[in-house]
Protein backbone atom coordinates (compact mmCIF):
# COMPACT_ATOMS: atom_id res chain seq x y z
CA MET A 1 0.00 0.00 0.00
CA ASN A 2 1.25 3.49 -0.87
CA LEU A 3 0.89 5.36 2.44
CA ARG A 4 1.87 8.65 0.80
CA ALA A 5 -1.34 8.46 -1.21
CA TYR A 6 -3.30 8.76 2.05
CA SER A 7 -1.14 11.34 3.85
CA PRO A 8 -2.96 13.83 6.15
CA THR A 9 -1.81 16.70 3.95
CA ARG A 10 -3.33 15.15 0.86
CA VAL A 11 -6.60 14.24 2.63
CA LEU A 12 -6.99 17.74 4.09
CA GLY A 13 -6.19 19.28 0.71
CA ALA A 14 -8.83 17.13 -0.97
CA LEU A 15 -11.46 18.08 1.63
CA ARG A 16 -10.67 21.76 1.21
CA ARG A 17 -10.93 21.54 -2.59
CA ARG A 18 -14.22 19.70 -2.33
CA GLY A 19 -15.62 22.32 0.00
CA LEU A 20 -14.65 25.11 -2.38
CA ALA A 21 -16.12 23.19 -5.30
CA TYR A 22 -19.50 22.89 -3.57
CA TRP A 23 -19.45 26.61 -2.82
CA ARG A 24 -18.85 27.34 -6.50
CA LYS A 25 -21.63 24.95 -7.42
CA LEU A 26 -23.99 27.09 -5.36
CA GLN A 27 -22.82 30.20 -7.23
CA TYR A 28 -23.18 28.52 -10.62
CA GLN A 29 -26.80 28.77 -11.68
CA PRO A 30 -27.40 27.42 -15.19
CA GLY A 31 -30.75 28.41 -16.67
CA LYS A 32 -31.35 31.34 -14.32
CA LYS A 33 -30.21 33.92 -16.87
CA GLN A 34 -30.78 33.98 -20.61
CA VAL A 35 -28.05 32.68 -22.91
CA GLN A 36 -25.98 35.54 -24.36
CA LYS A 37 -26.06 35.33 -28.14
CA GLY A 38 -22.72 35.77 -29.86
CA VAL A 39 -20.66 35.15 -26.72
CA VAL A 40 -17.87 32.55 -26.89
CA LEU A 41 -15.99 31.24 -23.84
CA PHE A 42 -12.68 29.53 -24.60
CA ASP A 43 -11.08 27.21 -22.05
CA SER A 44 -7.68 25.52 -22.37
CA PHE A 45 -6.80 23.30 -19.41
CA ASN A 46 -9.02 25.45 -17.15
CA GLY A 47 -6.88 28.54 -17.64
CA LYS A 48 -3.47 26.94 -17.06
CA VAL A 49 -2.62 27.52 -20.72
CA ILE A 50 -3.70 29.92 -23.43
CA GLY A 51 -3.12 27.63 -26.34
CA ASP A 52 -3.87 24.22 -27.81
CA ASN A 53 -6.79 23.77 -30.22
CA PRO A 54 -8.95 26.52 -28.67
CA LEU A 55 -6.31 29.16 -29.45
CA ASP A 56 -6.06 28.39 -33.15
CA ILE A 57 -9.84 28.22 -33.45
CA PHE A 58 -10.01 31.62 -31.72
CA LEU A 59 -7.37 33.15 -34.00
CA GLU A 60 -9.26 32.08 -37.12
CA LEU A 61 -12.73 32.82 -35.73
CA GLN A 62 -11.59 36.30 -34.77
CA LYS A 63 -10.86 36.97 -38.45
CA VAL A 64 -14.12 35.67 -39.92
CA ARG A 65 -16.56 36.52 -37.11
CA PRO A 66 -15.47 39.83 -35.56
CA ASP A 67 -19.10 40.34 -34.50
CA LEU A 68 -18.69 37.71 -31.77
CA LYS A 69 -17.58 38.56 -28.24
CA PHE A 70 -14.68 36.45 -27.00
CA TYR A 71 -13.80 35.48 -23.43
CA TRP A 72 -10.91 33.30 -22.26
CA THR A 73 -10.52 31.32 -19.07
CA ILE A 74 -7.32 32.50 -17.38
CA GLY A 75 -5.29 31.44 -14.36
CA ALA A 76 -2.85 33.17 -12.03
CA LYS A 77 -0.03 32.98 -14.58
CA THR A 78 -1.93 33.39 -17.85
CA LYS A 79 -3.64 36.23 -19.67
CA ALA A 80 -6.15 36.36 -22.49
CA PRO A 81 -4.92 36.78 -26.07
CA VAL A 82 -5.36 40.12 -27.82
CA GLY A 83 -8.98 40.56 -28.84
CA ALA A 84 -10.47 38.62 -25.93
CA ILE A 85 -11.45 39.33 -22.33
CA GLY A 86 -9.79 37.22 -19.63
CA VAL A 87 -11.92 35.77 -16.85
CA GLN A 88 -10.40 33.98 -13.84
CA PHE A 89 -11.23 30.27 -13.66
CA GLU A 90 -14.13 29.60 -11.27
CA SER A 91 -14.58 33.29 -10.42
CA LYS A 92 -18.14 34.60 -10.12
CA GLN A 93 -17.94 36.13 -13.61
CA TRP A 94 -16.58 32.91 -15.05
CA LEU A 95 -19.37 30.86 -13.49
CA GLU A 96 -21.92 33.25 -15.00
CA LEU A 97 -20.31 32.96 -18.43
CA LEU A 98 -20.22 29.17 -18.11
CA ALA A 99 -23.99 29.31 -17.61
CA THR A 100 -24.80 31.91 -20.28
CA ALA A 101 -22.23 31.90 -23.13
CA GLU A 102 -23.78 30.75 -26.39
CA TYR A 103 -20.62 28.87 -27.36
CA LEU A 104 -18.27 26.91 -25.11
CA VAL A 105 -14.95 25.78 -26.60
CA ALA A 106 -12.81 23.58 -24.33
CA ASN A 107 -9.95 21.12 -24.68
CA THR A 108 -10.54 19.21 -21.44
CA THR A 109 -13.36 18.56 -19.00
CA LEU A 110 -15.19 21.42 -17.34
CA PRO A 111 -15.85 21.27 -13.55
CA TRP A 112 -18.05 18.42 -12.33
CA TYR A 113 -20.95 20.75 -11.57
CA PHE A 114 -21.24 21.99 -15.18
CA ARG A 115 -24.58 21.46 -16.90
CA LYS A 116 -25.18 22.69 -20.44
CA THR A 117 -28.37 24.73 -20.80
CA SER A 118 -30.76 25.13 -23.72
CA GLY A 119 -29.28 27.45 -26.34
CA GLN A 120 -25.65 26.63 -25.58
CA THR A 121 -23.32 24.88 -28.04
CA TYR A 122 -20.36 22.98 -26.62
CA LEU A 123 -17.37 22.27 -28.89
CA GLN A 124 -14.94 19.81 -27.32
CA THR A 125 -11.53 19.87 -29.04
CA TRP A 126 -9.68 17.45 -26.73
CA HIS A 127 -5.92 17.80 -26.46
CA GLY A 128 -4.08 15.17 -28.39
CA THR A 129 -3.94 11.89 -30.27
CA PRO A 130 -3.69 9.18 -27.62
CA LEU A 131 -1.03 6.52 -27.37
CA LYS A 132 -2.10 5.62 -23.84
CA ARG A 133 -5.61 4.34 -23.22
CA LEU A 134 -8.26 6.81 -22.08
CA VAL A 135 -11.21 6.73 -19.67
CA ARG A 136 -13.42 3.73 -20.51
CA ASP A 137 -10.52 1.93 -22.21
CA ILE A 138 -8.34 2.02 -19.09
CA PRO A 139 -8.30 -1.24 -17.09
CA PRO A 140 -11.15 -1.37 -14.51
CA GLY A 141 -10.30 -0.07 -11.05
CA SER A 142 -7.78 2.48 -12.27
CA LEU A 143 -10.22 5.41 -12.23
CA THR A 144 -12.65 6.53 -9.56
CA LYS A 145 -16.39 6.25 -10.05
CA SER A 146 -16.74 10.03 -9.63
CA TYR A 147 -14.31 10.66 -12.50
CA LEU A 148 -16.09 8.17 -14.76
CA ASP A 149 -19.47 9.70 -13.88
CA ASN A 150 -18.15 13.17 -14.63
CA MET A 151 -16.82 12.05 -18.02
CA LYS A 152 -20.19 10.50 -18.82
CA ARG A 153 -21.96 13.80 -18.05
CA GLU A 154 -19.32 15.72 -20.01
CA ALA A 155 -19.59 13.62 -23.14
CA ALA A 156 -23.37 13.87 -23.07
CA ALA A 157 -23.07 17.68 -23.15
CA TRP A 158 -20.77 17.89 -26.17
CA ASP A 159 -22.34 18.96 -29.46
CA TYR A 160 -19.12 18.39 -31.40
CA LEU A 161 -15.88 16.49 -30.79
CA ILE A 162 -12.84 17.24 -32.95
CA SER A 163 -10.87 14.31 -34.36
CA PRO A 164 -7.47 14.81 -36.01
CA SER A 165 -7.49 11.48 -37.88
CA PRO A 166 -9.51 8.35 -38.73
CA PHE A 167 -7.62 6.64 -35.89
CA CYS A 168 -9.00 9.15 -33.37
CA THR A 169 -12.47 9.00 -34.89
CA GLU A 170 -12.49 5.33 -33.96
CA VAL A 171 -10.83 5.62 -30.55
CA LEU A 172 -12.06 8.84 -28.90
CA PRO A 173 -15.87 8.41 -29.04
CA ARG A 174 -15.57 4.89 -27.64
CA ALA A 175 -13.20 5.98 -24.87
CA PHE A 176 -15.45 8.86 -23.82
CA GLY A 177 -18.78 7.13 -24.40
CA TYR A 178 -19.64 9.90 -26.86
CA THR A 179 -22.37 9.40 -29.47
CA GLY A 180 -22.62 12.87 -31.01
CA LYS A 181 -21.12 14.60 -34.04
CA VAL A 182 -17.42 13.97 -34.70
CA LEU A 183 -15.56 16.56 -36.76
CA GLU A 184 -12.74 14.68 -38.51
CA THR A 185 -10.88 17.80 -39.59
CA GLY A 186 -7.28 17.55 -38.43
CA TYR A 187 -6.13 19.48 -35.36
CA PRO A 188 -6.43 23.28 -35.40
CA ARG A 189 -3.38 23.51 -33.15
CA ASN A 190 -1.27 22.03 -35.94
CA ASP A 191 -2.31 24.50 -38.64
CA ARG A 192 0.64 26.78 -37.96
CA LEU A 193 3.05 23.86 -38.26
CA LYS A 194 2.10 23.87 -41.94
CA THR A 195 1.58 27.58 -42.56
CA HIS A 196 4.41 29.29 -40.64
CA LYS A 197 7.22 31.10 -42.47
CA ALA A 198 10.98 31.05 -41.94
CA ALA A 199 10.70 34.52 -40.41
CA ASP A 200 8.25 33.17 -37.80
CA ARG A 201 10.73 30.48 -36.77
CA ALA A 202 13.57 33.00 -36.53
CA ARG A 203 11.44 35.36 -34.43
CA ILE A 204 10.45 32.61 -31.99
CA ARG A 205 14.00 31.37 -31.59
CA GLU A 206 15.27 34.89 -30.99
CA SER A 207 12.58 35.42 -28.33
CA LEU A 208 14.00 32.32 -26.60
CA GLY A 209 17.50 33.76 -26.78
CA VAL A 210 18.66 31.45 -29.57
CA THR A 211 20.25 33.81 -32.08
CA ASP A 212 22.50 31.41 -34.01
CA SER A 213 20.51 29.80 -36.83
CA LYS A 214 22.90 26.82 -36.76
CA THR A 215 22.09 25.93 -33.14
CA VAL A 216 20.27 22.60 -32.94
CA LEU A 217 17.46 23.20 -30.48
CA VAL A 218 16.18 20.10 -28.66
CA LEU A 219 12.73 20.18 -27.06
CA TYR A 220 12.39 17.73 -24.15
CA ALA A 221 8.68 17.26 -23.35
CA PRO A 222 7.85 14.27 -21.12
CA THR A 223 4.33 13.49 -19.97
CA TRP A 224 3.10 12.83 -16.41
CA ARG A 225 2.82 9.46 -14.69
CA ASP A 226 -0.26 8.00 -12.98
CA TYR A 227 2.04 6.34 -10.46
CA GLN A 228 4.08 9.38 -9.44
CA ARG A 229 2.38 11.68 -6.92
CA THR A 230 3.60 13.98 -4.17
CA ALA A 231 2.44 13.71 -0.54
CA THR A 232 -0.11 16.46 -1.24
CA GLY A 233 -1.63 14.54 -4.13
CA ASN A 234 -0.15 16.53 -7.01
CA TRP A 235 1.42 14.80 -9.99
CA GLN A 236 5.20 14.75 -9.71
CA SER A 237 7.38 16.48 -12.26
CA VAL A 238 9.05 14.04 -14.65
CA SER A 239 12.52 14.37 -16.15
CA TYR A 240 15.13 11.81 -17.15
CA LEU A 241 17.50 14.48 -18.46
CA GLU A 242 19.59 16.76 -16.27
CA PRO A 243 19.54 20.50 -17.03
CA GLY A 244 23.32 20.73 -16.73
CA MET A 245 24.12 17.62 -18.76
CA ALA A 246 26.89 17.82 -21.35
CA LEU A 247 25.53 18.01 -24.88
CA PRO A 248 27.38 17.88 -28.20
CA ASN A 249 28.65 21.24 -29.46
CA GLY A 250 26.02 23.34 -31.18
CA ILE A 251 23.10 21.66 -29.38
CA GLN A 252 20.88 23.41 -26.84
CA LEU A 253 18.20 21.88 -24.62
CA MET A 254 14.81 23.27 -23.63
CA PHE A 255 12.48 21.55 -21.16
CA ARG A 256 8.67 21.59 -21.32
CA GLY A 257 6.87 20.16 -18.28
CA HIS A 258 3.33 18.78 -18.62
CA THR A 259 0.42 20.96 -17.49
CA ASN A 260 -0.45 18.37 -14.83
CA THR A 261 2.94 18.88 -13.17
CA HIS A 262 3.17 22.69 -13.16
CA LYS A 263 2.78 22.82 -9.37
CA THR A 264 5.70 20.46 -8.79
CA SER A 265 8.08 21.41 -11.60
CA SER A 266 11.62 21.00 -10.25
CA PHE A 267 13.59 21.36 -13.48
CA LYS A 268 16.09 24.17 -12.87
CA THR A 269 17.85 25.91 -15.72
CA SER A 270 21.61 25.42 -15.90
CA GLY A 271 24.06 26.72 -18.45
CA SER A 272 22.32 27.05 -21.81
CA THR A 273 19.28 24.96 -20.84
CA LEU A 274 15.92 26.73 -21.19
CA ASP A 275 12.90 25.95 -19.02
CA VAL A 276 9.94 26.62 -21.34
CA THR A 277 7.30 24.94 -19.17
CA LEU A 278 5.34 28.17 -18.88
CA TYR A 279 5.98 29.37 -22.43
CA PRO A 280 2.51 30.48 -23.58
CA ASP A 281 2.26 28.56 -26.86
CA VAL A 282 3.74 25.09 -27.31
CA THR A 283 3.11 25.19 -31.06
CA GLU A 284 5.72 27.92 -31.31
CA LEU A 285 8.18 25.65 -29.51
CA TYR A 286 7.60 22.93 -32.13
CA ILE A 287 8.35 25.48 -34.82
CA ALA A 288 11.51 26.66 -33.04
CA ALA A 289 12.84 23.17 -32.23
CA ASP A 290 14.95 20.97 -34.48
CA VAL A 291 14.50 17.74 -32.51
CA LEU A 292 11.92 16.40 -30.04
CA VAL A 293 12.74 14.16 -27.08
CA THR A 294 9.62 12.77 -25.43
CA ASP A 295 8.19 9.55 -24.01
CA PHE A 296 4.48 8.69 -24.21
CA SER A 297 3.16 12.23 -24.69
CA SER A 298 0.79 13.14 -27.52
CA VAL A 299 3.32 15.80 -28.54
CA MET A 300 4.85 13.02 -30.66
CA PHE A 301 1.88 13.17 -33.03
CA ASP A 302 1.88 16.96 -33.34
CA PHE A 303 5.62 17.32 -33.74
CA SER A 304 5.72 14.65 -36.45
CA VAL A 305 3.68 17.01 -38.65
CA THR A 306 6.92 18.99 -39.01
CA GLY A 307 8.92 16.02 -40.29
CA LYS A 308 11.74 16.78 -37.83
CA PRO A 309 13.49 13.97 -35.87
CA ILE A 310 11.97 12.45 -32.73
CA ILE A 311 13.78 10.55 -29.97
CA PHE A 312 11.93 8.65 -27.23
CA LEU A 313 13.40 8.51 -23.72
CA ALA A 314 11.29 5.95 -21.87
CA PRO A 315 13.15 3.94 -19.21
CA ASP A 316 9.82 2.99 -17.60
CA LEU A 317 8.20 1.78 -20.83
CA ASP A 318 7.30 -1.67 -19.50
CA ARG A 319 5.65 -0.34 -16.34
CA TYR A 320 3.81 2.45 -18.13
CA GLN A 321 2.45 0.12 -20.78
CA ALA A 322 1.47 -2.51 -18.22
CA GLU A 323 -0.38 -0.06 -15.97
CA ARG A 324 -1.92 2.28 -18.54
CA GLY A 325 -2.04 0.29 -21.76
CA PHE A 326 -1.44 1.46 -25.33
CA TYR A 327 -3.74 1.66 -28.33
CA PHE A 328 -1.16 0.24 -30.73
CA ASP A 329 2.24 -1.45 -30.88
CA PHE A 330 4.34 1.57 -29.95
CA GLU A 331 7.70 -0.20 -30.04
CA ASN A 332 7.22 -1.36 -33.63
CA GLN A 333 5.57 1.82 -34.97
CA ALA A 334 7.59 4.54 -33.23
CA PRO A 335 9.10 7.02 -35.74
CA GLY A 336 12.34 7.20 -33.75
CA PRO A 337 14.49 5.19 -31.32
CA ILE A 338 13.14 4.30 -27.86
CA LEU A 339 16.00 4.80 -25.39
CA ASN A 340 16.57 4.12 -21.69
CA THR A 341 19.25 6.59 -20.59
CA ALA A 342 20.35 10.19 -20.99
CA GLU A 343 23.68 8.91 -22.29
CA GLU A 344 21.92 7.13 -25.15
CA VAL A 345 20.09 10.36 -26.00
CA VAL A 346 23.38 12.27 -26.18
CA GLU A 347 24.92 9.60 -28.39
CA THR A 348 21.89 9.66 -30.70
CA LEU A 349 22.11 13.44 -30.96
CA ARG A 350 25.71 13.04 -32.13
CA LYS A 351 24.47 10.89 -35.02
CA LEU A 352 21.20 12.66 -35.77
CA PRO A 353 21.30 12.51 -39.61
CA GLU A 354 22.03 8.76 -39.55
CA MET A 355 19.24 8.12 -37.04
CA ALA A 356 16.72 10.13 -39.04
CA LYS A 357 17.58 8.24 -42.21
CA SER A 358 17.20 4.85 -40.53
CA TYR A 359 13.69 5.76 -39.34
CA GLN A 360 12.58 7.41 -42.59
CA SER A 361 10.18 4.63 -43.60
CA ALA A 362 8.60 4.31 -40.14
CA TYR A 363 8.25 8.10 -39.97
CA LYS A 364 6.42 8.29 -43.31
CA HIS A 365 4.04 5.50 -42.30
CA TRP A 366 3.38 7.32 -39.02
CA GLN A 367 2.56 10.57 -40.84
CA VAL A 368 0.17 8.83 -43.24
CA THR A 369 -1.63 7.14 -40.33
CA TYR A 370 -1.88 10.04 -37.89
CA ASN A 371 -1.23 13.27 -39.84
CA GLY A 372 -3.06 12.73 -43.11
CA LEU A 373 -5.45 15.63 -42.50
CA GLU A 374 -2.85 18.13 -41.26
CA ASP A 375 -2.77 20.55 -44.19
CA GLY A 376 -3.07 23.87 -42.35
CA GLY A 377 -6.84 24.17 -42.83
CA ALA A 378 -8.29 22.40 -39.78
CA SER A 379 -9.42 25.59 -38.02
CA LYS A 380 -11.38 26.70 -41.09
CA ARG A 381 -13.07 23.31 -41.34
CA VAL A 382 -14.05 23.32 -37.66
CA ILE A 383 -15.43 26.85 -37.84
CA GLY A 384 -17.40 26.01 -40.97
CA ALA A 385 -19.00 23.04 -39.22
CA VAL A 386 -19.83 24.83 -35.95
CA TRP A 387 -20.52 28.41 -37.03
CA GLY A 388 -21.77 27.48 -40.50
CA SER A 389 -22.42 29.91 -43.32
CA HIS A 390 -21.66 32.92 -41.11
CA ALA A 391 -17.99 31.95 -40.97
């Protein structure tokens, strides 16, 4: 038994959060006020991030429907994009908007007390192509009944669910228990990976402090682990690379922690290493980077749109696969080497061209399977389906 999972600190924290949640539920009054026509509330990870699919939908919708009024869920460390009004997550104003906005656009679940009212349209974008099994596809006993019940209510409220590929069209509705309209359009968040210019890449790299165009910029973006929690119940930060590790000449590392581990991020910058965990827009990091190092994260699917090399650092592959389960044979389909140590990563970086060439066939097959719709027009297709002829 994991005694840390039942520590007094974690139990008291959970009770406090539950108490606050019930107070907010009392403040949230769906149906009391009339739905506000033309109002759109965007939510990306409940305000932790201003990005992902909702951002690219917003950027395109702002162009074609300037008559709409845009609000964004924000957190303590985020602010709304230009052209939108920021509203603090679970504030009184946010709860009112949740109950009255005509359109809700979110990339993850809304709070458990949410109930869609008549006249509201809920577009669920989700936040990635899954390697690891989700919700109803996870082995029984791994998820709490309250979480499963909340997902069931959530899925019933969605009017649209975005799918980036035929693979996701098959997997996501089943995993969520969703029976509504699926928009197989590609992912809006990947549009800019196809449409950006060389000047955009140079600007982003310069904003990161990378001024030499010859510098090989490595993005390390691991995901979180179900089996790694702190005593307070938060997900632990994950990193199998050291910020001060010696890298081949001309190579620079940047670290991107998962949104679930923001509270426990312990990756400290050292030397030329960049901590980009709180960088506002991860899509820009994909554009800036030359190589991706990840593990089981859905960033592998997005980054592969660029055609740039991918390395997998996954020393706990066997445990992760056994406990969470995969949707396909990852070891045989991976578009890059699956490594166990930081030393192996460094050695692979020394021979990057050779590695990329050896995985060329697997990479192309991967792109055909998971990126076939990524042509830069996903946002337009989504907007056409949801906002129709007005877009």
